[in-house]
Amino acid sequence: VVHFLETPLDLELSRPIVHTPVGSYRGLRAQDGNYSKFLGIPYAKVDPDNVFGSPIPHKIEGIFEAVDDTSRCPQQRKKIFAGTLDCLHVNINVPNSASFDNPLPVLIQIFGGKFYIGSARSFLYGPRFIVRHDVIFITFNYRLGPYGFMCLNTSKVPGNQGLKDQVQALRWIKENIRYFGGDDSKITIAGNSAGAMSVDFHQNFLQEQLYHRVILQSGVSLTHDITEDSNPDRDAPLKLAMELNYTTNDINDALLFLNKVEPQELIVATWKSGVFFGPCVEKQFENADIYITKYPADLNTITRRDVDVLIGITNDESYSFITRYIKNGVLDLHTDFVSLIIESHFEFNNASKLSNEIKDIVRMFYYGDDVRRLDKRTEMNIHADFTFHSPIFRTVRKYLESGVENMYFYMFSFCGERNYFKDYMNIPCTEGGASHGDELGYLYDISYMKERLRDEDMLIVDRMTELWTNFAKYGNPTPKTSKLIPVQWPRVSRDKLPYLEINTELRLGSRPMHERMSFLDLLYKDIGHYQRWISND
């Protein structure tokens, strides 16, 4: 339970303290709302003898000063290194209304970043907009890159350590959140991009009931970008060791060396080597912590069917992804974009004739007879359809066929001053609607956007946070209509795919991008067994 330690001299400096079976935590009173913050709580620690292995549970002695959320796991972005292995921390934001007698629903956000960048800091995931709805808001860090997703055929490093960190964090929250005034029977996990992919992996493989509702924003386990490699590099330790001037042909020897290397050196070496680390199918060993056991495309049903689901997309997912291939407003003529897409999603095993036939079919569908008509809108559609839309709609269908009965689909299309990715890429709103990740600015109080409070933008903030927290509370984003949300959002069923378009006007629609999705359904029905993210058995 939350206690307040008050001094007779300055009651404003009183600080909340929470006692749990695994430690006591002294937090901060928020200055921007009626809530308390418990930041940087260690939920586990990295095994110093095997930094690429599963996390170790962590217990606090004495009172932990939970005041700093700036930690992040080792990573590099734009040649700038940041992070430390002392990073497995959870941040808990608790409205003042929470108590044992009034436990509040819990919303957990899993950050995205292609599994090699990102953190749980309030710089991006500021809680102010969420906690005002009487919901506890939580973020946590998990390992990234080689530390989080090195996948080897060994019992000590089977893979997916970052996802196992997430599971450990969810266990910690489930076991301890009631001491913070949380309702451990109403836990929602949410994620954007790689965070949503993580949520879907948990839906497919997590056996424990650590949550009750899920929110998947622009990502599922089938999501695959053209910059990623589907298959883990089993020789990664040898390559990284060589990059660090240590030559060996023995994987275990390389691992022993890398285990002692400073994180900055290893992350820089990873960046230079070009080795990609992400979720993988693990080889099974006795007495080893194994998680992902099958390829996502091989799974016809999910493990967690007894959950409420909120899932959706933005209307312009791929704008920021294909800008690297655009020159003067059109596709670079030296880039065979359709070939890039097909070859990154399918592997035809030397069947070059079939590969060329499929590419021609895709070109004909998207471009018509004029296959030289290259424009960025068409390329955006191709990239978005293969990378986001089709995987997400196929996942919706799998959820329904698995028995999920309470699911809602959305499309976010608003463009304003708080569109996160478009702002980051310096893309004006005159070009398209909402890009991948743009909705984050309307759910979270992003630090550098604090002054962007136009009426139109704040209307979207109010709507998004009301819908998301309603879902966390009730499993229904629109339990009743209001002036703010004047529509009743219908759930998805096997014969209907209604969706809510979120903009200055809320609009109900049905079967978005129907023709394109029907084409891809037929394509995957015919050549789905050639997918890269599938077994070849």
Protein backbone atom coordinates (compact mmCIF):
# COMPACT_ATOMS: atom_id res chain seq x y z
CA VAL A 1 0.00 0.00 0.00
CA VAL A 2 1.21 3.55 -0.64
CA HIS A 3 2.28 5.45 2.48
CA PHE A 4 3.36 9.07 2.56
CA LEU A 5 6.32 10.07 4.71
CA GLU A 6 5.66 13.65 5.71
CA THR A 7 7.95 16.12 7.43
CA PRO A 8 6.49 18.90 9.61
CA LEU A 9 8.60 21.49 7.79
CA ASP A 10 7.52 20.91 4.20
CA LEU A 11 4.55 18.67 3.45
CA GLU A 12 5.02 19.29 -0.30
CA LEU A 13 8.23 17.28 -0.17
CA SER A 14 6.52 14.20 1.23
CA ARG A 15 7.37 11.13 -0.80
CA PRO A 16 5.35 7.96 -1.32
CA ILE A 17 6.76 4.62 -0.21
CA VAL A 18 5.51 1.14 -1.12
CA HIS A 19 6.35 -2.08 0.73
CA THR A 20 6.26 -5.38 -1.21
CA PRO A 21 7.55 -8.91 -0.50
CA VAL A 22 10.55 -8.23 -2.77
CA GLY A 23 11.49 -4.81 -1.42
CA SER A 24 10.43 -1.32 -0.39
CA TYR A 25 10.42 1.52 -2.89
CA ARG A 26 10.38 5.27 -2.28
CA GLY A 27 9.13 7.24 -5.25
CA LEU A 28 8.23 10.80 -6.20
CA ARG A 29 5.09 12.86 -6.30
CA ALA A 30 4.46 14.01 -9.85
CA GLN A 31 4.59 17.71 -10.62
CA ASP A 32 2.31 17.47 -13.68
CA GLY A 33 -0.67 15.60 -12.27
CA ASN A 34 -2.25 13.77 -9.36
CA TYR A 35 -0.08 10.69 -9.36
CA SER A 36 3.11 9.21 -7.92
CA LYS A 37 6.09 7.82 -9.80
CA PHE A 38 8.21 4.82 -8.86
CA LEU A 39 11.04 4.82 -11.37
CA GLY A 40 13.88 2.47 -12.19
CA ILE A 41 12.80 -0.43 -9.97
CA PRO A 42 14.98 -3.50 -10.72
CA TYR A 43 12.72 -6.44 -11.61
CA ALA A 44 15.62 -8.73 -12.57
CA LYS A 45 19.33 -8.58 -13.33
CA VAL A 46 21.59 -9.84 -16.07
CA ASP A 47 23.62 -12.92 -15.17
CA PRO A 48 27.24 -11.67 -15.04
CA ASP A 49 28.47 -15.17 -15.96
CA ASN A 50 26.22 -15.31 -19.03
CA VAL A 51 25.15 -11.87 -20.20
CA PHE A 52 23.47 -13.47 -23.25
CA GLY A 53 21.34 -15.83 -21.15
CA SER A 54 18.09 -15.68 -19.21
CA PRO A 55 17.57 -12.96 -16.56
CA ILE A 56 17.91 -13.60 -12.82
CA PRO A 57 15.16 -12.44 -10.38
CA HIS A 58 16.18 -9.51 -8.19
CA LYS A 59 15.29 -8.66 -4.59
CA ILE A 60 15.90 -5.33 -2.85
CA GLU A 61 17.39 -4.96 0.63
CA GLY A 62 16.30 -1.88 2.56
CA ILE A 63 14.49 0.98 0.81
CA PHE A 64 15.18 1.55 -2.87
CA GLU A 65 15.12 5.16 -4.10
CA ALA A 66 12.85 4.78 -7.14
CA VAL A 67 13.51 8.17 -8.70
CA ASP A 68 15.39 7.61 -11.98
CA ASP A 69 13.97 6.20 -15.23
CA THR A 70 16.85 7.18 -17.52
CA SER A 71 18.48 3.74 -17.74
CA ARG A 72 18.40 1.86 -21.01
CA CYS A 73 19.89 -1.41 -22.21
CA PRO A 74 23.01 -1.24 -24.43
CA GLN A 75 22.25 0.12 -27.90
CA GLN A 76 23.53 2.42 -30.63
CA ARG A 77 21.63 4.89 -32.76
CA LYS A 78 23.19 7.19 -35.34
CA LYS A 79 26.67 6.12 -34.16
CA ILE A 80 25.89 7.20 -30.57
CA PHE A 81 26.19 4.48 -27.93
CA ALA A 82 24.07 4.47 -24.78
CA GLY A 83 23.13 2.04 -22.07
CA THR A 84 24.32 -0.40 -19.44
CA LEU A 85 23.54 -4.00 -18.53
CA ASP A 86 22.10 -2.73 -15.25
CA CYS A 87 18.94 -1.89 -17.14
CA LEU A 88 16.21 -4.40 -16.29
CA HIS A 89 14.02 -1.82 -14.58
CA VAL A 90 10.29 -1.13 -14.35
CA ASN A 91 8.63 2.30 -14.04
CA ILE A 92 5.25 2.50 -12.27
CA ASN A 93 2.98 5.56 -12.41
CA VAL A 94 0.17 5.42 -9.84
CA PRO A 95 -2.83 7.80 -9.71
CA ASN A 96 -3.49 9.15 -6.22
CA SER A 97 -6.88 7.43 -6.26
CA ALA A 98 -5.26 3.96 -6.15
CA SER A 99 -5.40 1.96 -2.91
CA PHE A 100 -6.04 -1.52 -1.55
CA ASP A 101 -9.70 -0.60 -1.27
CA ASN A 102 -9.78 0.94 -4.75
CA PRO A 103 -7.41 -1.10 -6.95
CA LEU A 104 -7.01 0.39 -10.42
CA PRO A 105 -6.61 -1.32 -13.82
CA VAL A 106 -3.04 -1.60 -15.12
CA LEU A 107 -1.77 -0.64 -18.59
CA ILE A 108 1.74 -1.83 -19.50
CA GLN A 109 3.49 -0.39 -22.57
CA ILE A 110 6.21 -2.46 -24.29
CA PHE A 111 8.40 -0.15 -26.36
CA GLY A 112 9.31 -0.73 -30.00
CA GLY A 113 12.50 -0.16 -31.97
CA LYS A 114 13.20 -3.25 -34.13
CA PHE A 115 14.63 -5.05 -31.07
CA TYR A 116 17.89 -3.08 -31.18
CA ILE A 117 16.95 0.42 -29.92
CA GLY A 118 14.47 1.93 -27.48
CA SER A 119 13.81 2.27 -23.77
CA ALA A 120 11.06 2.71 -21.19
CA ARG A 121 11.98 6.30 -20.33
CA SER A 122 9.24 8.86 -19.76
CA PHE A 123 11.00 11.03 -22.36
CA LEU A 124 8.85 9.16 -24.89
CA TYR A 125 6.28 7.41 -22.68
CA GLY A 126 5.26 10.29 -20.45
CA PRO A 127 2.34 9.03 -18.29
CA ARG A 128 0.40 12.28 -17.76
CA PHE A 129 -2.34 11.68 -20.35
CA ILE A 130 -2.98 8.08 -19.28
CA VAL A 131 -2.98 8.30 -15.47
CA ARG A 132 -5.63 11.05 -15.40
CA HIS A 133 -8.09 8.29 -16.40
CA ASP A 134 -7.45 6.39 -13.14
CA VAL A 135 -5.28 3.71 -14.72
CA ILE A 136 -1.84 2.67 -13.45
CA PHE A 137 0.68 3.07 -16.29
CA ILE A 138 3.85 0.96 -16.45
CA THR A 139 6.87 0.71 -18.74
CA PHE A 140 9.97 -1.48 -18.48
CA ASN A 141 13.28 -2.12 -20.22
CA TYR A 142 14.35 -5.35 -21.87
CA ARG A 143 17.64 -6.34 -23.51
CA LEU A 144 18.20 -5.53 -27.17
CA GLY A 145 20.52 -6.48 -30.02
CA PRO A 146 23.13 -9.17 -29.22
CA TYR A 147 22.34 -9.14 -25.51
CA GLY A 148 18.64 -9.65 -26.09
CA PHE A 149 18.42 -11.74 -29.23
CA MET A 150 21.58 -13.74 -29.86
CA CYS A 151 20.24 -17.13 -30.97
CA LEU A 152 22.60 -20.10 -30.83
CA ASN A 153 22.10 -23.85 -30.79
CA THR A 154 23.25 -24.03 -27.17
CA SER A 155 21.42 -24.44 -23.87
CA LYS A 156 23.07 -21.34 -22.39
CA VAL A 157 22.15 -19.03 -25.29
CA PRO A 158 19.08 -20.51 -27.00
CA GLY A 159 17.74 -17.05 -27.96
CA ASN A 160 15.04 -14.46 -27.27
CA GLN A 161 16.54 -13.26 -23.99
CA GLY A 162 14.81 -9.90 -24.51
CA LEU A 163 11.39 -11.58 -24.67
CA LYS A 164 12.28 -13.60 -21.57
CA ASP A 165 13.16 -10.31 -19.85
CA GLN A 166 9.66 -9.14 -20.74
CA VAL A 167 8.12 -12.26 -19.23
CA GLN A 168 10.14 -11.74 -16.05
CA ALA A 169 8.90 -8.13 -15.89
CA LEU A 170 5.29 -9.27 -16.36
CA ARG A 171 5.73 -11.83 -13.56
CA TRP A 172 7.10 -9.14 -11.26
CA ILE A 173 4.19 -6.82 -12.05
CA LYS A 174 1.57 -9.55 -11.63
CA GLU A 175 3.01 -10.53 -8.23
CA ASN A 176 3.59 -7.04 -6.84
CA ILE A 177 1.26 -4.50 -8.46
CA ARG A 178 -1.44 -4.90 -5.78
CA TYR A 179 0.95 -3.31 -3.26
CA PHE A 180 0.92 -0.19 -5.46
CA GLY A 181 -2.90 -0.14 -5.56
CA GLY A 182 -3.18 -2.07 -8.84
CA ASP A 183 -5.81 -4.59 -9.81
CA ASP A 184 -3.90 -7.73 -10.79
CA SER A 185 -7.05 -9.12 -12.44
CA LYS A 186 -7.12 -6.23 -14.95
CA ILE A 187 -3.71 -6.09 -16.58
CA THR A 188 -3.40 -4.94 -20.20
CA ILE A 189 -0.17 -5.23 -22.18
CA ALA A 190 0.23 -2.87 -25.12
CA GLY A 191 2.93 -2.36 -27.69
CA ASN A 192 3.76 -0.45 -30.86
CA SER A 193 5.79 -1.93 -33.75
CA ALA A 194 8.36 -4.34 -32.21
CA GLY A 195 6.49 -3.88 -28.92
CA ALA A 196 3.31 -5.13 -30.61
CA MET A 197 5.27 -7.98 -32.16
CA SER A 198 6.37 -8.86 -28.62
CA VAL A 199 2.76 -8.83 -27.40
CA ASP A 200 1.80 -11.22 -30.20
CA PHE A 201 4.72 -13.53 -29.36
CA HIS A 202 3.37 -13.68 -25.80
CA GLN A 203 -0.07 -14.44 -27.19
CA ASN A 204 1.43 -17.38 -29.08
CA PHE A 205 3.88 -18.77 -26.55
CA LEU A 206 3.28 -17.54 -22.99
CA GLN A 207 1.69 -20.26 -20.88
CA GLU A 208 1.19 -18.21 -17.69
CA GLN A 209 -1.82 -15.93 -17.20
CA LEU A 210 0.11 -12.73 -16.54
CA TYR A 211 -2.31 -10.38 -18.34
CA HIS A 212 -5.94 -10.21 -19.46
CA ARG A 213 -6.08 -7.78 -22.38
CA VAL A 214 -3.76 -6.85 -25.24
CA ILE A 215 -3.29 -3.83 -27.50
CA LEU A 216 -1.31 -4.35 -30.71
CA GLN A 217 -0.39 -1.17 -32.57
CA SER A 218 1.04 -1.71 -36.06
CA GLY A 219 2.79 -4.99 -35.42
CA VAL A 220 2.38 -8.77 -35.00
CA SER A 221 4.82 -11.68 -34.96
CA LEU A 222 4.40 -12.06 -38.75
CA THR A 223 5.56 -8.48 -39.33
CA HIS A 224 8.78 -8.45 -41.31
CA ASP A 225 10.63 -5.48 -42.78
CA ILE A 226 12.91 -5.53 -45.82
CA THR A 227 15.84 -4.42 -43.64
CA GLU A 228 15.62 -7.53 -41.44
CA ASP A 229 17.00 -11.04 -41.77
CA SER A 230 14.55 -13.76 -40.77
CA ASN A 231 17.13 -16.40 -39.89
CA PRO A 232 19.52 -16.00 -36.95
CA ASP A 233 23.23 -15.97 -37.68
CA ARG A 234 24.56 -18.92 -35.67
CA ASP A 235 28.13 -17.70 -36.34
CA ALA A 236 27.43 -14.26 -34.87
CA PRO A 237 29.79 -14.73 -31.88
CA LEU A 238 32.66 -15.61 -34.22
CA LYS A 239 31.97 -12.57 -36.42
CA LEU A 240 31.67 -10.19 -33.47
CA ALA A 241 34.82 -11.58 -31.85
CA MET A 242 36.69 -11.12 -35.13
CA GLU A 243 35.40 -7.54 -35.37
CA LEU A 244 37.02 -7.05 -31.96
CA ASN A 245 40.31 -8.60 -33.15
CA TYR A 246 39.80 -11.92 -31.37
CA THR A 247 40.04 -14.82 -33.80
CA THR A 248 38.65 -18.23 -32.94
CA ASN A 249 36.67 -21.02 -34.60
CA ASP A 250 35.04 -22.11 -31.36
CA ILE A 251 31.61 -20.62 -30.54
CA ASN A 252 31.99 -21.18 -26.78
CA ASP A 253 35.42 -19.58 -26.78
CA ALA A 254 34.01 -16.57 -28.63
CA LEU A 255 31.14 -16.32 -26.15
CA LEU A 256 33.52 -16.37 -23.17
CA PHE A 257 35.43 -13.53 -24.79
CA LEU A 258 32.31 -11.50 -25.65
CA ASN A 259 30.89 -12.03 -22.14
CA LYS A 260 33.78 -9.95 -20.75
CA VAL A 261 33.76 -7.26 -23.44
CA GLU A 262 32.46 -3.84 -22.44
CA PRO A 263 28.91 -3.34 -23.78
CA GLN A 264 29.92 -0.29 -25.78
CA GLU A 265 32.59 -2.26 -27.63
CA LEU A 266 30.19 -5.10 -28.42
CA ILE A 267 27.38 -2.82 -29.62
CA VAL A 268 29.77 -0.86 -31.85
CA ALA A 269 31.13 -4.13 -33.23
CA THR A 270 27.57 -5.29 -33.93
CA TRP A 271 26.84 -2.06 -35.75
CA LYS A 272 29.97 -2.41 -37.88
CA SER A 273 29.45 -6.09 -38.65
CA GLY A 274 25.90 -5.60 -39.93
CA VAL A 275 24.65 -8.70 -38.05
CA PHE A 276 20.94 -8.37 -37.25
CA PHE A 277 19.55 -9.80 -34.01
CA GLY A 278 15.84 -10.47 -33.56
CA PRO A 279 13.35 -13.10 -32.37
CA CYS A 280 14.13 -16.63 -33.49
CA VAL A 281 12.92 -20.21 -33.22
CA GLU A 282 14.90 -21.88 -30.44
CA LYS A 283 16.31 -25.36 -30.37
CA GLN A 284 14.89 -27.25 -27.41
CA PHE A 285 17.14 -28.40 -24.58
CA GLU A 286 16.40 -30.08 -21.27
CA ASN A 287 16.52 -27.76 -18.24
CA ALA A 288 16.80 -24.70 -20.50
CA ASP A 289 14.47 -21.68 -20.60
CA ILE A 290 12.96 -22.11 -24.07
CA TYR A 291 10.31 -19.72 -25.41
CA ILE A 292 9.68 -19.53 -29.18
CA THR A 293 9.39 -23.11 -30.41
CA LYS A 294 7.75 -22.66 -33.83
CA TYR A 295 7.75 -20.18 -36.67
CA PRO A 296 4.80 -17.75 -36.43
CA ALA A 297 3.53 -18.71 -39.89
CA ASP A 298 3.35 -22.35 -38.76
CA LEU A 299 0.96 -21.54 -35.90
CA ASN A 300 -2.74 -21.94 -36.64
CA THR A 301 -3.92 -21.12 -33.12
CA ILE A 302 -2.74 -18.98 -30.22
CA THR A 303 -2.07 -19.93 -26.61
CA ARG A 304 -3.94 -17.03 -24.99
CA ARG A 305 -7.50 -17.14 -26.33
CA ASP A 306 -9.22 -15.82 -23.19
CA VAL A 307 -8.14 -12.22 -23.75
CA ASP A 308 -9.73 -9.02 -25.03
CA VAL A 309 -7.93 -7.60 -28.08
CA LEU A 310 -7.52 -4.09 -29.48
CA ILE A 311 -5.53 -4.11 -32.71
CA GLY A 312 -4.96 -1.69 -35.56
CA ILE A 313 -2.87 0.26 -38.02
CA THR A 314 -2.18 3.77 -39.22
CA ASN A 315 -3.46 4.74 -42.65
CA ASP A 316 0.03 5.56 -43.98
CA GLU A 317 2.22 2.94 -42.26
CA SER A 318 5.15 2.89 -44.66
CA TYR A 319 5.80 6.55 -45.40
CA SER A 320 8.95 6.74 -43.29
CA PHE A 321 10.20 3.28 -44.29
CA ILE A 322 10.59 3.77 -48.02
CA THR A 323 11.94 7.33 -48.02
CA ARG A 324 15.41 5.76 -48.32
CA TYR A 325 14.40 4.46 -51.77
CA ILE A 326 12.78 7.70 -52.99
CA LYS A 327 14.63 10.22 -55.13
CA ASN A 328 12.91 13.49 -56.09
CA GLY A 329 9.48 12.18 -55.18
CA VAL A 330 9.66 8.90 -57.13
CA LEU A 331 11.27 5.53 -56.61
CA ASP A 332 14.96 5.32 -57.47
CA LEU A 333 15.00 3.67 -60.91
CA HIS A 334 18.02 1.62 -59.83
CA THR A 335 15.94 -0.02 -57.10
CA ASP A 336 13.74 -2.97 -58.06
CA PHE A 337 11.34 -2.41 -55.20
CA VAL A 338 9.02 -5.33 -55.92
CA SER A 339 12.03 -7.67 -55.98
CA LEU A 340 13.20 -6.27 -52.64
CA ILE A 341 9.81 -6.94 -51.10
CA ILE A 342 9.29 -10.42 -52.54
CA GLU A 343 12.82 -11.62 -51.80
CA SER A 344 12.64 -10.38 -48.21
CA HIS A 345 9.34 -12.14 -47.52
CA PHE A 346 9.73 -15.34 -49.53
CA GLU A 347 12.47 -17.84 -50.29
CA PHE A 348 11.86 -19.86 -53.46
CA ASN A 349 14.78 -22.27 -53.05
CA ASN A 350 16.36 -21.74 -56.47
CA ALA A 351 12.97 -21.68 -58.21
CA SER A 352 13.89 -18.50 -60.08
CA LYS A 353 11.15 -18.95 -62.68
CA LEU A 354 8.45 -19.02 -59.99
CA SER A 355 10.06 -16.07 -58.23
CA ASN A 356 9.98 -14.01 -61.44
CA GLU A 357 6.37 -15.02 -62.12
CA ILE A 358 5.28 -13.90 -58.65
CA LYS A 359 7.09 -10.58 -59.05
CA ASP A 360 5.35 -9.99 -62.39
CA ILE A 361 1.95 -10.78 -60.85
CA VAL A 362 2.59 -8.33 -58.00
CA ARG A 363 3.76 -5.63 -60.43
CA MET A 364 0.69 -6.12 -62.61
CA PHE A 365 -1.69 -5.87 -59.67
CA TYR A 366 -0.19 -2.70 -58.17
CA TYR A 367 0.97 -0.91 -61.33
CA GLY A 368 -1.30 -2.26 -64.06
CA ASP A 369 0.10 -2.43 -67.57
CA ASP A 370 2.46 0.48 -67.00
CA VAL A 371 5.03 -1.22 -64.78
CA ARG A 372 7.38 1.75 -65.22
CA ARG A 373 4.87 4.04 -63.53
CA LEU A 374 6.88 4.50 -60.37
CA ASP A 375 5.42 6.73 -57.68
CA LYS A 376 5.94 6.72 -53.94
CA ARG A 377 2.26 6.20 -53.11
CA THR A 378 2.22 2.85 -54.90
CA GLU A 379 5.48 1.79 -53.26
CA MET A 380 4.11 2.80 -49.86
CA ASN A 381 1.09 0.60 -50.47
CA ILE A 382 3.25 -2.35 -51.53
CA HIS A 383 5.54 -2.05 -48.51
CA ALA A 384 2.68 -1.47 -46.06
CA ASP A 385 0.58 -4.33 -47.46
CA PHE A 386 3.33 -6.94 -47.24
CA THR A 387 5.00 -5.66 -44.07
CA PHE A 388 2.06 -4.55 -41.93
CA HIS A 389 -1.44 -4.88 -43.36
CA SER A 390 -1.51 -8.49 -44.56
CA PRO A 391 0.33 -9.89 -41.50
CA ILE A 392 -2.03 -8.01 -39.18
CA PHE A 393 -5.21 -9.05 -40.99
CA ARG A 394 -4.04 -12.67 -41.12
CA THR A 395 -3.38 -12.45 -37.38
CA VAL A 396 -6.87 -11.08 -36.78
CA ARG A 397 -8.25 -14.07 -38.67
CA LYS A 398 -6.08 -16.46 -36.63
CA TYR A 399 -7.27 -14.89 -33.37
CA LEU A 400 -10.90 -15.31 -34.44
CA GLU A 401 -10.35 -18.91 -35.50
CA SER A 402 -8.61 -19.58 -32.17
CA GLY A 403 -11.71 -18.48 -30.29
CA VAL A 404 -11.04 -14.83 -29.40
CA GLU A 405 -14.50 -13.33 -29.09
CA ASN A 406 -13.87 -9.74 -28.00
CA MET A 407 -11.69 -7.90 -30.53
CA TYR A 408 -11.73 -4.32 -31.87
CA PHE A 409 -9.93 -2.98 -34.95
CA TYR A 410 -8.88 0.64 -35.56
CA MET A 411 -7.20 2.81 -38.18
CA PHE A 412 -5.43 5.96 -36.98
CA SER A 413 -5.35 8.62 -39.72
CA PHE A 414 -4.93 11.99 -38.01
CA CYS A 415 -1.96 14.21 -38.82
CA GLY A 416 -1.11 17.09 -36.52
CA GLU A 417 1.76 18.55 -34.53
CA ARG A 418 2.15 15.49 -32.30
CA ASN A 419 2.57 12.82 -35.03
CA TYR A 420 5.71 11.20 -33.65
CA PHE A 421 7.39 9.57 -36.67
CA LYS A 422 6.39 12.21 -39.19
CA ASP A 423 7.76 14.85 -36.85
CA TYR A 424 10.99 12.85 -36.42
CA MET A 425 11.34 12.50 -40.21
CA ASN A 426 10.36 16.15 -40.76
CA ILE A 427 7.46 15.14 -43.03
CA PRO A 428 4.67 17.75 -43.31
CA CYS A 429 1.02 16.84 -42.87
CA THR A 430 0.33 17.91 -46.44
CA GLU A 431 1.73 14.51 -47.44
CA GLY A 432 -0.62 11.69 -46.46
CA GLY A 433 -2.08 10.93 -43.06
CA ALA A 434 -0.51 9.07 -40.14
CA SER A 435 2.73 7.12 -40.53
CA HIS A 436 3.98 4.15 -38.51
CA GLY A 437 4.24 5.14 -34.85
CA ASP A 438 2.53 8.51 -35.27
CA GLU A 439 -0.19 7.74 -32.72
CA LEU A 440 2.36 7.65 -29.87
CA GLY A 441 2.26 11.43 -29.56
CA TYR A 442 -1.46 11.28 -28.80
CA LEU A 443 -1.18 8.60 -26.11
CA TYR A 444 1.94 9.74 -24.29
CA ASP A 445 3.32 13.02 -23.05
CA ILE A 446 6.47 13.06 -25.20
CA SER A 447 8.92 15.43 -23.54
CA TYR A 448 9.84 17.63 -26.47
CA MET A 449 6.17 17.94 -27.50
CA LYS A 450 4.96 19.36 -24.17
CA GLU A 451 4.06 22.73 -25.67
CA ARG A 452 2.21 21.28 -28.66
CA LEU A 453 -1.27 21.64 -27.25
CA ARG A 454 -3.43 22.89 -30.12
CA ASP A 455 -7.14 22.25 -29.58
CA GLU A 456 -7.26 19.84 -32.52
CA ASP A 457 -4.27 17.85 -31.25
CA MET A 458 -5.60 17.71 -27.69
CA LEU A 459 -8.96 16.49 -28.98
CA ILE A 460 -7.12 13.47 -30.43
CA VAL A 461 -5.15 13.05 -27.18
CA ASP A 462 -8.40 13.04 -25.20
CA ARG A 463 -10.05 10.58 -27.58
CA MET A 464 -7.13 8.17 -27.85
CA THR A 465 -6.48 8.00 -24.12
CA GLU A 466 -10.20 7.62 -23.36
CA LEU A 467 -10.51 4.73 -25.84
CA TRP A 468 -7.33 2.98 -24.68
CA THR A 469 -8.06 3.30 -20.95
CA ASN A 470 -11.71 2.31 -21.42
CA PHE A 471 -10.41 -0.85 -23.03
CA ALA A 472 -8.02 -1.42 -20.10
CA LYS A 473 -10.88 -0.92 -17.64
CA TYR A 474 -13.77 -2.70 -19.33
CA GLY A 475 -12.46 -4.67 -22.30
CA ASN A 476 -14.60 -2.32 -24.40
CA PRO A 477 -13.23 0.99 -25.77
CA THR A 478 -16.74 2.49 -26.03
CA PRO A 479 -18.84 1.18 -23.13
CA LYS A 480 -21.10 4.20 -23.62
CA THR A 481 -21.27 7.10 -26.04
CA SER A 482 -20.42 10.67 -25.08
CA LYS A 483 -19.78 14.05 -26.66
CA LEU A 484 -16.10 13.14 -26.90
CA ILE A 485 -16.76 9.67 -28.35
CA PRO A 486 -20.20 9.75 -30.00
CA VAL A 487 -19.99 6.32 -31.68
CA GLN A 488 -20.38 2.74 -30.52
CA TRP A 489 -17.38 0.75 -31.74
CA PRO A 490 -18.53 -2.72 -32.93
CA ARG A 491 -16.34 -5.74 -32.31
CA VAL A 492 -14.80 -7.88 -35.07
CA SER A 493 -16.53 -11.14 -35.95
CA ARG A 494 -15.80 -14.00 -38.35
CA ASP A 495 -18.05 -12.58 -41.06
CA LYS A 496 -17.50 -8.87 -40.42
CA LEU A 497 -14.43 -6.67 -40.04
CA PRO A 498 -15.70 -3.31 -38.81
CA TYR A 499 -13.14 -0.71 -37.78
CA LEU A 500 -13.03 2.71 -36.18
CA GLU A 501 -11.11 5.42 -38.04
CA ILE A 502 -9.61 7.79 -35.46
CA ASN A 503 -9.42 11.38 -36.64
CA THR A 504 -11.05 14.72 -35.82
CA GLU A 505 -14.22 12.89 -36.78
CA LEU A 506 -14.66 9.31 -35.64
CA ARG A 507 -15.84 7.21 -38.58
CA LEU A 508 -16.97 3.59 -38.70
CA GLY A 509 -15.95 1.56 -41.74
CA SER A 510 -15.68 -2.04 -42.84
CA ARG A 511 -12.92 -4.16 -44.41
CA PRO A 512 -10.21 -1.56 -45.07
CA MET A 513 -8.13 -2.02 -48.24
CA HIS A 514 -10.43 -4.88 -49.19
CA GLU A 515 -9.20 -5.40 -52.80
CA ARG A 516 -5.51 -5.34 -51.88
CA MET A 517 -6.00 -7.66 -48.91
CA SER A 518 -8.05 -10.08 -51.02
CA PHE A 519 -5.22 -10.18 -53.56
CA LEU A 520 -2.64 -10.90 -50.86
CA ASP A 521 -4.88 -13.53 -49.26
CA LEU A 522 -4.93 -15.38 -52.57
CA LEU A 523 -1.18 -14.89 -53.02
CA TYR A 524 -0.34 -16.27 -49.57
CA LYS A 525 -2.78 -19.14 -50.04
CA ASP A 526 -0.86 -20.10 -53.16
CA ILE A 527 2.76 -19.47 -52.09
CA GLY A 528 2.55 -19.10 -48.32
CA HIS A 529 4.70 -22.19 -47.81
CA TYR A 530 7.60 -20.23 -49.33
CA GLN A 531 7.53 -17.61 -46.55
CA ARG A 532 10.85 -16.99 -44.83
CA TRP A 533 9.28 -16.97 -41.33
CA ILE A 534 8.09 -20.56 -41.70
CA SER A 535 9.57 -24.05 -41.32
CA ASN A 536 10.90 -25.88 -44.35
CA ASP A 537 10.15 -29.32 -42.89
